[in-house]
C-alpha atoms as a PDB file:
ATOM      1  CA  MET A   1     -24.481 -20.868  -9.062  1.00  0.00           C
ATOM      2  CA  SER A   2     -25.835 -18.601 -11.477  1.00  0.00           C
ATOM      3  CA  ASP A   3     -24.481 -17.201 -14.723  1.00  0.00           C
ATOM      4  CA  SER A   4     -24.877 -13.843 -13.392  1.00  0.00           C
ATOM      5  CA  GLN A   5     -22.420 -14.726 -10.606  1.00  0.00           C
ATOM      6  CA  PRO A   6     -19.065 -15.518 -11.124  1.00  0.00           C
ATOM      7  CA  GLU A   7     -17.331 -17.702  -9.139  1.00  0.00           C
ATOM      8  CA  ILE A   8     -15.081 -15.763  -6.731  1.00  0.00           C
ATOM      9  CA  LEU A   9     -11.535 -17.318  -6.473  1.00  0.00           C
ATOM     10  CA  ASN A  10      -9.965 -16.225  -2.787  1.00  0.00           C
ATOM     11  CA  LEU A  11      -6.700 -18.670  -2.446  1.00  0.00           C
ATOM     12  CA  PRO A  12      -4.142 -18.567   0.214  1.00  0.00           C
ATOM     13  CA  ALA A  13      -1.001 -17.766  -1.332  1.00  0.00           C
ATOM     14  CA  ARG A  14       2.062 -19.543  -0.887  1.00  0.00           C
ATOM     15  CA  PRO A  15       5.276 -17.876  -1.719  1.00  0.00           C
ATOM     16  CA  GLY A  16       7.400 -20.222   0.091  1.00  0.00           C
ATOM     17  CA  ALA A  17       6.953 -22.595  -2.590  1.00  0.00           C
ATOM     18  CA  VAL A  18       8.000 -20.276  -5.286  1.00  0.00           C
ATOM     19  CA  VAL A  19      10.987 -19.189  -3.126  1.00  0.00           C
ATOM     20  CA  ARG A  20      12.200 -22.913  -3.092  1.00  0.00           C
ATOM     21  CA  ALA A  21      11.753 -23.323  -6.685  1.00  0.00           C
ATOM     22  CA  VAL A  22      13.712 -20.346  -7.396  1.00  0.00           C
ATOM     23  CA  ARG A  23      16.547 -21.156  -5.076  1.00  0.00           C
ATOM     24  CA  GLU A  24      16.651 -24.874  -6.445  1.00  0.00           C
ATOM     25  CA  GLU A  25      16.821 -23.628  -9.872  1.00  0.00           C
ATOM     26  CA  ARG A  26      19.493 -21.242  -9.647  1.00  0.00           C
ATOM     27  CA  GLY A  27      21.458 -23.790  -7.123  1.00  0.00           C
ATOM     28  CA  TRP A  28      21.395 -21.643  -3.945  1.00  0.00           C
ATOM     29  CA  THR A  29      21.651 -22.586  -0.419  1.00  0.00           C
ATOM     30  CA  LEU A  30      19.412 -20.946   2.217  1.00  0.00           C
ATOM     31  CA  ALA A  31      22.632 -19.041   3.561  1.00  0.00           C
ATOM     32  CA  GLU A  32      22.903 -17.337  -0.023  1.00  0.00           C
ATOM     33  CA  VAL A  33      19.625 -16.442  -0.023  1.00  0.00           C
ATOM     34  CA  SER A  34      19.480 -14.978   3.542  1.00  0.00           C
ATOM     35  CA  GLU A  35      22.730 -12.919   1.865  1.00  0.00           C
ATOM     36  CA  ARG A  36      20.533 -11.755  -0.834  1.00  0.00           C
ATOM     37  CA  THR A  37      17.563 -10.851   0.975  1.00  0.00           C
ATOM     38  CA  GLY A  38      18.927  -9.776   4.507  1.00  0.00           C
ATOM     39  CA  LEU A  39      16.284 -12.613   6.262  1.00  0.00           C
ATOM     40  CA  SER A  40      17.786 -14.970   8.264  1.00  0.00           C
ATOM     41  CA  ILE A  41      18.030 -18.805   7.534  1.00  0.00           C
ATOM     42  CA  SER A  42      15.630 -19.961  10.130  1.00  0.00           C
ATOM     43  CA  THR A  43      13.030 -17.319   8.710  1.00  0.00           C
ATOM     44  CA  LEU A  44      13.311 -18.540   4.953  1.00  0.00           C
ATOM     45  CA  SER A  45      13.242 -22.223   5.879  1.00  0.00           C
ATOM     46  CA  LYS A  46       9.715 -21.326   7.654  1.00  0.00           C
ATOM     47  CA  VAL A  47       8.608 -19.508   4.371  1.00  0.00           C
ATOM     48  CA  GLU A  48       9.378 -22.586   2.482  1.00  0.00           C
ATOM     49  CA  ASN A  49       7.841 -24.809   4.798  1.00  0.00           C
ATOM     50  CA  ASP A  50       4.798 -22.751   5.176  1.00  0.00           C
ATOM     51  CA  LYS A  51       5.189 -22.075   8.527  1.00  0.00           C
ATOM     52  CA  MET A  52       5.404 -18.279   8.217  1.00  0.00           C
ATOM     53  CA  SER A  53       3.139 -15.677   6.726  1.00  0.00           C
ATOM     54  CA  LEU A  54       4.864 -12.550   5.177  1.00  0.00           C
ATOM     55  CA  THR A  55       4.093  -8.967   5.601  1.00  0.00           C
ATOM     56  CA  TYR A  56       4.647  -6.845   2.251  1.00  0.00           C
ATOM     57  CA  ASP A  57       7.920  -5.572   3.378  1.00  0.00           C
ATOM     58  CA  LYS A  58       9.536  -9.362   3.397  1.00  0.00           C
ATOM     59  CA  LEU A  59       7.902 -10.005   0.322  1.00  0.00           C
ATOM     60  CA  SER A  60       9.390  -7.252  -1.207  1.00  0.00           C
ATOM     61  CA  ARG A  61      12.993  -7.878   0.076  1.00  0.00           C
ATOM     62  CA  ILE A  62      12.666 -11.797  -1.046  1.00  0.00           C
ATOM     63  CA  SER A  63      11.575 -10.270  -4.749  1.00  0.00           C
ATOM     64  CA  LYS A  64      14.741  -8.176  -4.938  1.00  0.00           C
ATOM     65  CA  GLY A  65      16.880 -10.866  -3.586  1.00  0.00           C
ATOM     66  CA  LEU A  66      15.687 -13.577  -5.838  1.00  0.00           C
ATOM     67  CA  ALA A  67      15.786 -10.694  -8.802  1.00  0.00           C
ATOM     68  CA  ILE A  68      12.356 -11.809  -9.928  1.00  0.00           C
ATOM     69  CA  ASP A  69       8.951  -9.646 -10.002  1.00  0.00           C
ATOM     70  CA  ILE A  70       6.949  -9.765  -6.603  1.00  0.00           C
ATOM     71  CA  GLY A  71       3.881 -11.001  -8.586  1.00  0.00           C
ATOM     72  CA  GLN A  72       5.854 -14.198  -9.030  1.00  0.00           C
ATOM     73  CA  LEU A  73       5.635 -14.901  -5.264  1.00  0.00           C
ATOM     74  CA  PHE A  74       1.640 -15.756  -5.767  1.00  0.00           C
ATOM     75  CA  ALA A  75       1.866 -17.855  -9.105  1.00  0.00           C
ATOM     76  CA  ALA A  76       2.606 -21.070  -7.686  1.00  0.00           C
ATOM     77  CA  GLY A  77       0.653 -23.524  -9.815  1.00  0.00           C
ATOM     78  CA  SER A  78      -0.626 -20.791 -11.993  1.00  0.00           C
ATOM     79  CA  THR A  79      -0.155 -19.398 -15.517  1.00  0.00           C
ATOM     80  CA  LEU A  80       1.944 -16.088 -15.378  1.00  0.00           C
ATOM     81  CA  HIS A  81       0.765 -13.364 -17.969  1.00  0.00           C
ATOM     82  CA  GLU A  82       3.299 -11.251 -19.566  1.00  0.00           C
ATOM     83  CA  ALA A  83       2.902  -7.726 -20.696  1.00  0.00           C
ATOM     84  CA  ALA A  84       1.493  -7.135 -24.191  1.00  0.00           C
ATOM     85  CA  PRO A  85       4.247  -6.320 -26.711  1.00  0.00           C
ATOM     86  CA  SER A  86       4.369  -2.791 -26.174  1.00  0.00           C
ATOM     87  CA  ARG A  87       6.777  -2.024 -29.351  1.00  0.00           C
ATOM     88  CA  VAL A  88       3.950  -3.227 -31.833  1.00  0.00           C
ATOM     89  CA  LEU A  89       0.848  -1.421 -29.827  1.00  0.00           C
ATOM     90  CA  GLY A  90       2.991   1.691 -28.518  1.00  0.00           C
ATOM     91  CA  PHE A  91       1.486   0.730 -25.037  1.00  0.00           C
ATOM     92  CA  SER A  92       0.987  -2.697 -23.049  1.00  0.00           C
ATOM     93  CA  GLY A  93      -2.846  -2.681 -23.118  1.00  0.00           C
ATOM     94  CA  ARG A  94      -2.985  -5.245 -20.335  1.00  0.00           C
ATOM     95  CA  ARG A  95      -5.535  -5.540 -17.814  1.00  0.00           C
ATOM     96  CA  SER A  96      -6.678  -7.360 -14.934  1.00  0.00           C
ATOM     97  CA  LEU A  97      -9.892  -7.693 -13.132  1.00  0.00           C
ATOM     98  CA  SER A  98     -10.669  -8.711  -9.504  1.00  0.00           C
ATOM     99  CA  ARG A  99     -14.057  -9.578  -8.559  1.00  0.00           C
ATOM    100  CA  SER A 100     -15.046  -8.079  -4.924  1.00  0.00           C
ATOM    101  CA  GLY A 101     -13.072 -10.592  -2.067  1.00  0.00           C
ATOM    102  CA  GLU A 102     -11.056 -12.027  -4.763  1.00  0.00           C
ATOM    103  CA  GLY A 103      -7.301 -12.253  -4.803  1.00  0.00           C
ATOM    104  CA  SER A 104      -4.401 -13.972  -2.951  1.00  0.00           C
ATOM    105  CA  VAL A 105      -4.415 -14.088   0.749  1.00  0.00           C
ATOM    106  CA  ILE A 106      -1.634 -13.890   3.375  1.00  0.00           C
ATOM    107  CA  ASP A 107      -2.432 -13.637   6.908  1.00  0.00           C
ATOM    108  CA  THR A 108       0.081 -12.019   9.010  1.00  0.00           C
ATOM    109  CA  PRO A 109      -0.173 -10.911  12.948  1.00  0.00           C
ATOM    110  CA  ASN A 110      -0.023  -7.404  11.665  1.00  0.00           C
ATOM    111  CA  TYR A 111      -2.606  -7.552   8.988  1.00  0.00           C
ATOM    112  CA  GLY A 112      -4.971  -9.878   6.849  1.00  0.00           C
ATOM    113  CA  HIS A 113      -4.097  -9.035   3.317  1.00  0.00           C
ATOM    114  CA  VAL A 114      -5.939  -9.646   0.285  1.00  0.00           C
ATOM    115  CA  TYR A 115      -3.446  -9.193  -2.745  1.00  0.00           C
ATOM    116  CA  SER A 116      -4.933  -8.261  -6.377  1.00  0.00           C
ATOM    117  CA  ALA A 117      -3.767  -8.300  -9.831  1.00  0.00           C
ATOM    118  CA  THR A 118      -1.291 -10.773  -8.848  1.00  0.00           C
ATOM    119  CA  GLU A 119      -1.008 -12.562 -12.465  1.00  0.00           C
ATOM    120  CA  LEU A 120       0.549  -9.153 -13.690  1.00  0.00           C
ATOM    121  CA  LEU A 121       4.382  -9.070 -13.493  1.00  0.00           C
ATOM    122  CA  ASN A 122       6.141  -5.953 -13.662  1.00  0.00           C
ATOM    123  CA  LYS A 123       3.474  -3.563 -12.178  1.00  0.00           C
ATOM    124  CA  GLN A 124       4.587  -0.170 -11.189  1.00  0.00           C
ATOM    125  CA  MET A 125       2.198  -0.374  -7.830  1.00  0.00           C
ATOM    126  CA  VAL A 126       1.123  -2.990  -5.845  1.00  0.00           C
ATOM    127  CA  PRO A 127      -2.635  -2.994  -4.731  1.00  0.00           C
ATOM    128  CA  ILE A 128      -3.537  -4.837  -1.473  1.00  0.00           C
ATOM    129  CA  PHE A 129      -6.440  -4.864   0.641  1.00  0.00           C
ATOM    130  CA  GLY A 130      -6.226  -5.032   4.230  1.00  0.00           C
ATOM    131  CA  GLN A 131      -7.941  -5.950   7.544  1.00  0.00           C
ATOM    132  CA  PRO A 132      -5.920  -4.030  10.407  1.00  0.00           C
ATOM    133  CA  ARG A 133      -5.201  -5.728  13.689  1.00  0.00           C
ATOM    134  CA  THR A 134      -5.300  -4.035  17.016  1.00  0.00           C
ATOM    135  CA  LEU A 135      -2.320  -2.447  18.967  1.00  0.00           C
ATOM    136  CA  ALA A 136      -1.915  -5.890  20.908  1.00  0.00           C
ATOM    137  CA  GLU A 137      -1.891  -8.073  18.012  1.00  0.00           C
ATOM    138  CA  PHE A 138       0.407  -5.588  15.613  1.00  0.00           C
ATOM    139  CA  GLY A 139       3.782  -5.774  17.293  1.00  0.00           C
ATOM    140  CA  GLU A 140       6.785  -3.392  15.683  1.00  0.00           C
ATOM    141  CA  LEU A 141       6.130  -0.783  12.898  1.00  0.00           C
ATOM    142  CA  LEU A 142       6.491  -2.069   9.480  1.00  0.00           C
ATOM    143  CA  ARG A 143       8.855  -0.222   6.766  1.00  0.00           C
ATOM    144  CA  HIS A 144       9.559  -0.839   3.440  1.00  0.00           C
ATOM    145  CA  SER A 145      11.259   0.986   0.287  1.00  0.00           C
ATOM    146  CA  GLY A 146       8.773   3.049  -2.111  1.00  0.00           C
ATOM    147  CA  GLU A 147       5.766   5.260  -1.255  1.00  0.00           C
ATOM    148  CA  GLU A 148       2.315   4.313  -0.279  1.00  0.00           C
ATOM    149  CA  PHE A 149      -1.020   5.247  -0.755  1.00  0.00           C
ATOM    150  CA  SER A 150      -4.082   4.304   1.311  1.00  0.00           C
ATOM    151  CA  VAL A 151      -7.636   4.923   1.998  1.00  0.00           C
ATOM    152  CA  VAL A 152     -10.326   3.633   4.852  1.00  0.00           C
ATOM    153  CA  LEU A 153     -12.950   1.826   3.072  1.00  0.00           C
ATOM    154  CA  GLU A 154     -14.768   0.892   6.121  1.00  0.00           C
ATOM    155  CA  GLY A 155     -14.327   1.419   9.981  1.00  0.00           C
ATOM    156  CA  ALA A 156     -11.918   3.521  11.645  1.00  0.00           C
ATOM    157  CA  VAL A 157      -8.284   3.191  11.715  1.00  0.00           C
ATOM    158  CA  MET A 158      -5.607   5.060  13.738  1.00  0.00           C
ATOM    159  CA  PHE A 159      -2.401   5.697  11.538  1.00  0.00           C
ATOM    160  CA  HIS A 160       0.757   5.431  13.277  1.00  0.00           C
ATOM    161  CA  THR A 161       4.152   6.615  11.921  1.00  0.00           C
ATOM    162  CA  GLU A 162       7.712   7.107  13.660  1.00  0.00           C
ATOM    163  CA  LEU A 163       7.680  10.698  12.745  1.00  0.00           C
ATOM    164  CA  TYR A 164       4.319  12.258  13.100  1.00  0.00           C
ATOM    165  CA  ALA A 165       1.668  11.675  15.648  1.00  0.00           C
ATOM    166  CA  PRO A 166      -1.020   9.153  15.458  1.00  0.00           C
ATOM    167  CA  VAL A 167      -3.999  10.416  13.350  1.00  0.00           C
ATOM    168  CA  LEU A 168      -7.331   8.939  13.176  1.00  0.00           C
ATOM    169  CA  LEU A 169      -8.882   8.063   9.883  1.00  0.00           C
ATOM    170  CA  HIS A 170     -12.749   7.146   9.065  1.00  0.00           C
ATOM    171  CA  ALA A 171     -14.120   5.631   6.045  1.00  0.00           C
ATOM    172  CA  GLY A 172     -13.172   8.066   2.980  1.00  0.00           C
ATOM    173  CA  ASP A 173     -10.172   9.260   4.601  1.00  0.00           C
ATOM    174  CA  SER A 174      -6.747   8.687   2.604  1.00  0.00           C
ATOM    175  CA  VAL A 175      -2.986   9.112   3.390  1.00  0.00           C
ATOM    176  CA  TYR A 176       0.018   9.225   1.070  1.00  0.00           C
ATOM    177  CA  PHE A 177       3.463   8.953   2.945  1.00  0.00           C
ATOM    178  CA  ASP A 178       7.248   7.547   2.270  1.00  0.00           C
ATOM    179  CA  SER A 179       6.800   4.241   3.170  1.00  0.00           C
ATOM    180  CA  SER A 180      10.451   3.594   4.539  1.00  0.00           C
ATOM    181  CA  MET A 181       9.509   5.491   7.466  1.00  0.00           C
ATOM    182  CA  GLY A 182       7.932   3.102   9.726  1.00  0.00           C
ATOM    183  CA  HIS A 183       4.001   3.110  10.152  1.00  0.00           C
ATOM    184  CA  ALA A 184       1.176   0.841  10.895  1.00  0.00           C
ATOM    185  CA  TYR A 185      -2.553   0.805  10.754  1.00  0.00           C
ATOM    186  CA  LEU A 186      -4.476  -0.154  13.750  1.00  0.00           C
ATOM    187  CA  ARG A 187      -8.071  -1.088  13.955  1.00  0.00           C
ATOM    188  CA  VAL A 188     -10.643   1.295  16.252  1.00  0.00           C
ATOM    189  CA  GLY A 189     -13.375  -0.545  17.921  1.00  0.00           C
ATOM    190  CA  ASP A 190     -14.766  -3.791  17.378  1.00  0.00           C
ATOM    191  CA  GLY A 191     -16.383  -3.444  13.860  1.00  0.00           C
ATOM    192  CA  PRO A 192     -14.949  -4.757  10.544  1.00  0.00           C
ATOM    193  CA  CYS A 193     -12.358  -2.331   9.117  1.00  0.00           C
ATOM    194  CA  ARG A 194     -10.910  -2.424   5.766  1.00  0.00           C
ATOM    195  CA  VAL A 195      -8.319  -0.353   4.233  1.00  0.00           C
ATOM    196  CA  LEU A 196      -6.943  -0.344   0.302  1.00  0.00           C
ATOM    197  CA  THR A 197      -3.726   0.033   0.009  1.00  0.00           C
ATOM    198  CA  VAL A 198      -1.388   0.924  -2.952  1.00  0.00           C
ATOM    199  CA  CYS A 199       2.421   0.293  -2.562  1.00  0.00           C
ATOM    200  CA  SER A 200       5.284   1.494  -5.048  1.00  0.00           C
ATOM    201  CA  ASP A 201       7.746  -1.019  -5.125  1.00  0.00           C
ATOM    202  CA  GLY A 202      10.964   1.187  -5.528  1.00  0.00           C
ATOM    203  CA  PRO A 203      13.002   3.850  -3.874  1.00  0.00           C
ATOM    204  CA  SER A 204      11.036   6.748  -2.354  1.00  0.00           C
ATOM    205  CA  LEU A 205      11.222   9.974  -3.630  1.00  0.00           C
ATOM    206  CA  ALA A 206      12.407  11.403  -0.491  1.00  0.00           C
ATOM    207  CA  ALA A 207      15.344   9.142  -0.296  1.00  0.00           C
ATOM    208  CA  ALA A 208      16.193  10.233  -3.536  1.00  0.00           C
ATOM    209  CA  GLY A 209      16.218  13.823  -2.411  1.00  0.00           C
ATOM    210  CA  TYR A 210      12.800  14.911  -3.613  1.00  0.00           C
ATOM    211  CA  PRO A 211      11.414  17.671  -3.476  1.00  0.00           C
ATOM    212  CA  PRO A 212      14.272  19.885  -3.467  1.00  0.00           C
ATOM    213  CA  ALA A 213      14.967  21.867  -0.292  1.00  0.00           C
ATOM    214  CA  MET A 214      13.549  25.599  -0.483  1.00  0.00           C
ATOM    215  CA  ASP A 215      14.957  28.269   1.576  1.00  0.00           C
ATOM    216  CA  GLU A 216      11.458  29.292   3.022  1.00  0.00           C
ATOM    217  CA  PRO A 217       8.675  26.693   2.202  1.00  0.00           C
ATOM    218  CA  LEU A 218       5.506  28.526   0.278  1.00  0.00           C
ATOM    219  CA  LEU A 219       2.406  28.308   2.464  1.00  0.00           C
ATOM    220  CA  VAL A 220      -0.970  28.797   0.842  1.00  0.00           C
ATOM    221  CA  ARG A 221      -3.896  29.008   2.879  1.00  0.00           C
ATOM    222  CA  VAL A 222      -7.595  29.093   1.176  1.00  0.00           C
ATOM    223  CA  PRO A 223      -9.250  31.671   3.336  1.00  0.00           C
ATOM    224  CA  ALA A 224     -12.508  30.549   4.904  1.00  0.00           C
ATOM    225  CA  SER A 225     -15.538  32.492   4.064  1.00  0.00           C
ATOM    226  CA  GLU A 226     -15.755  34.501   7.438  1.00  0.00           C
ATOM    227  CA  ASP A 227     -12.246  35.562   6.404  1.00  0.00           C
ATOM    228  CA  LEU A 228     -13.433  36.716   3.062  1.00  0.00           C
ATOM    229  CA  ALA A 229     -15.880  38.852   4.706  1.00  0.00           C
ATOM    230  CA  ALA A 230     -13.921  40.436   7.303  1.00  0.00           C
ATOM    231  CA  SER A 231     -11.027  41.076   4.581  1.00  0.00           C
ATOM    232  CA  ALA A 232     -13.699  42.835   2.095  1.00  0.00           C
ATOM    233  CA  PRO A 233     -13.522  46.854   2.134  1.00  0.00           C
ATOM    234  CA  ALA A 234     -16.018  48.295   4.430  1.00  0.00           C
ATOM    235  CA  LYS A 235     -19.019  50.201   2.566  1.00  0.00           C
ATOM    236  CA  PRO A 236     -19.380  53.801   3.160  1.00  0.00           C
ATOM    237  CA  PRO A 237     -21.843  54.899   5.557  1.00  0.00           C
ATOM    238  CA  THR A 238     -25.204  55.941   4.078  1.00  0.00           C
ATOM    239  CA  ARG A 239     -25.959  59.584   4.297  1.00  0.00           C
ATOM    240  CA  THR A 240     -29.400  60.476   5.223  1.00  0.00           C
ATOM    241  CA  LYS A 241     -30.754  63.853   3.532  1.00  0.00           C
ATOM    242  CA  THR A 242     -32.505  65.975   6.167  1.00  0.00           C
ATOM    243  CA  ARG A 243     -35.278  68.014   4.396  1.00  0.00           C
ATOM    244  CA  LYS A 244     -35.933  71.519   5.057  1.00  0.00           C
ATOM    245  CA  ARG A 245     -38.882  72.639   6.336  1.00  0.00           C
END
């Protein structure tokens, strides 16, 4: 490989090894971790033995139940980079660079996931490159705390939620929503399909009562050009002068 082409590291993630290590370090049983995460003992056992891949919602539940950062679930065998001392700089100044296709890989029946910037802890958002599946492969709608922004990078996606009608998204289209609402991205067609999703790992604003209720919502519509033409004041009729003979 030439010097101008850096090596791409795209390694399968093993969050189960981290779960086992944290559990054993704290002297917890699988039953205790089950109570903390809301996941069954059999599910946790499969996770620890690398017999089950985890969707983002389950990764989020495990990280909160174990009281660790979600990035630590991808950090087995690697060095964790903490933020720079903000008390000295006034800001963290941290940065993570990922090459195309680089990241921690988790394949699930719902999506093929590549998690970026996993070496950074205490992130305010979690960036994920996803490859949506078909309706037959997907299963139930997913939900997790926080909010989510997604943009279609390639192909077309049918975006489903439990409160809205499905909507077709093409490359360049995006959606921002409360991710505690059940949702799914489904691939449309047989071609390649990629979605960049950014998740917040906290309570959604909707659950916190934001935005506040309004008596009457204010609707603002940008008038189209033909509307502007129709609303323009009519010009007075042109008077023609008759010449006297």
